[in-house]
Amino acid sequence: MRHPPSTLTTDDLLQRIRSEYLEMPGLSLTREQAQRFLGLDADTCTSLLHELMARRFLIRTPAGRYVRLTEWNASPRPLRAGEVAPVRHYRKTAVGE
């Protein structure tokens, strides 16, 4: 059962947004779409999306869409013939680090 947004705390709302993104892999929403989807006012929605970006759960793409950080493709355009995809470098860490 969903509660009206006005009865939920900020933490409740953040968890709700996280849950929506986790339950729907590939979810990609503009701020306006997220506002309608979640039933929030513009200021509250913007604040919550920014908080989830600060917590490194969401990222805002250059096209203005909010997607899960772990699902974002840094090279959204198709590669041209003969073009090589950029290599992502990850820092190696020792076990338990």
Protein backbone atom coordinates (compact mmCIF):
# COMPACT_ATOMS: atom_id res chain seq x y z
CA MET A 1 0.00 0.00 0.00
CA ARG A 2 1.37 3.37 -0.98
CA HIS A 3 1.07 6.30 1.37
CA PRO A 4 0.47 9.86 0.13
CA PRO A 5 3.86 11.64 -0.22
CA SER A 6 2.80 14.25 2.36
CA THR A 7 2.72 11.58 5.11
CA LEU A 8 6.19 10.21 4.36
CA THR A 9 9.52 11.36 5.78
CA THR A 10 12.44 12.31 3.56
CA ASP A 11 14.07 8.95 4.29
CA ASP A 12 10.83 7.17 3.35
CA LEU A 13 10.71 9.06 0.05
CA LEU A 14 14.37 8.36 -0.71
CA GLN A 15 13.80 4.65 -0.05
CA ARG A 16 10.72 4.68 -2.26
CA ILE A 17 12.64 6.21 -5.17
CA ARG A 18 15.51 3.73 -4.66
CA SER A 19 13.00 0.87 -4.63
CA GLU A 20 11.41 2.01 -7.89
CA TYR A 21 14.81 2.13 -9.61
CA LEU A 22 15.81 -1.26 -8.18
CA GLU A 23 12.52 -2.90 -9.17
CA MET A 24 12.67 -1.53 -12.73
CA PRO A 25 16.14 -2.01 -14.20
CA GLY A 26 16.85 0.52 -16.91
CA LEU A 27 14.47 3.13 -15.47
CA SER A 28 15.41 6.49 -16.97
CA LEU A 29 13.33 9.53 -16.05
CA THR A 30 13.54 13.27 -16.53
CA ARG A 31 12.85 15.35 -13.45
CA GLU A 32 9.39 16.13 -14.77
CA GLN A 33 8.64 12.43 -15.40
CA ALA A 34 9.93 11.48 -11.95
CA GLN A 35 7.76 14.19 -10.40
CA ARG A 36 4.61 12.82 -12.06
CA PHE A 37 5.56 9.16 -11.51
CA LEU A 38 6.20 9.72 -7.79
CA GLY A 39 3.43 12.27 -7.22
CA LEU A 40 5.77 14.93 -5.82
CA ASP A 41 6.02 18.69 -6.17
CA ALA A 42 8.92 20.05 -8.26
CA ASP A 43 11.08 21.27 -5.35
CA THR A 44 10.74 18.07 -3.33
CA CYS A 45 11.42 15.88 -6.35
CA THR A 46 14.50 17.88 -7.35
CA SER A 47 15.84 17.81 -3.79
CA LEU A 48 15.38 14.03 -3.51
CA LEU A 49 16.97 13.32 -6.89
CA HIS A 50 19.96 15.49 -5.99
CA GLU A 51 20.31 13.69 -2.66
CA LEU A 52 20.37 10.32 -4.44
CA MET A 53 23.05 11.71 -6.77
CA ALA A 54 25.06 12.87 -3.75
CA ARG A 55 24.76 9.34 -2.34
CA ARG A 56 26.02 8.01 -5.67
CA PHE A 57 22.87 5.99 -6.37
CA LEU A 58 21.66 8.09 -9.33
CA ILE A 59 23.40 10.09 -12.00
CA ARG A 60 21.96 12.77 -14.28
CA THR A 61 22.87 12.06 -17.88
CA PRO A 62 23.85 14.82 -20.32
CA ALA A 63 20.31 14.44 -21.74
CA GLY A 64 18.86 15.33 -18.31
CA ARG A 65 17.64 11.84 -17.40
CA TYR A 66 18.10 10.30 -13.96
CA VAL A 67 19.40 6.72 -14.09
CA ARG A 68 21.09 4.39 -11.64
CA LEU A 69 24.81 5.07 -11.54
CA THR A 70 25.56 1.37 -12.03
CA GLU A 71 23.46 1.27 -15.22
CA TRP A 72 24.75 4.40 -16.92
CA ASN A 73 26.60 3.94 -20.19
CA ALA A 74 29.19 6.70 -20.48
CA SER A 75 29.18 6.37 -24.27
CA PRO A 76 25.50 6.66 -25.25
CA ARG A 77 26.05 7.22 -28.97
CA PRO A 78 26.69 4.26 -31.27
CA LEU A 79 30.29 3.69 -32.27
CA ARG A 80 31.29 4.58 -35.82
CA ALA A 81 32.90 2.01 -38.10
CA GLY A 82 36.46 1.42 -36.94
CA GLU A 83 35.94 3.32 -33.66
CA VAL A 84 36.99 1.62 -30.44
CA ALA A 85 34.93 1.87 -27.26
CA PRO A 86 36.68 3.76 -24.43
CA VAL A 87 38.30 1.54 -21.84
CA ARG A 88 37.31 2.07 -18.25
CA HIS A 89 40.18 1.81 -15.80
CA TYR A 90 39.48 0.54 -12.33
CA ARG A 91 41.81 0.81 -9.38
CA LYS A 92 42.84 -2.60 -8.12
CA THR A 93 42.37 -3.05 -4.39
CA ALA A 94 43.54 -5.67 -1.98
CA VAL A 95 40.95 -7.99 -0.50
CA GLY A 96 39.32 -6.36 2.52
CA GLU A 97 40.40 -2.85 1.51
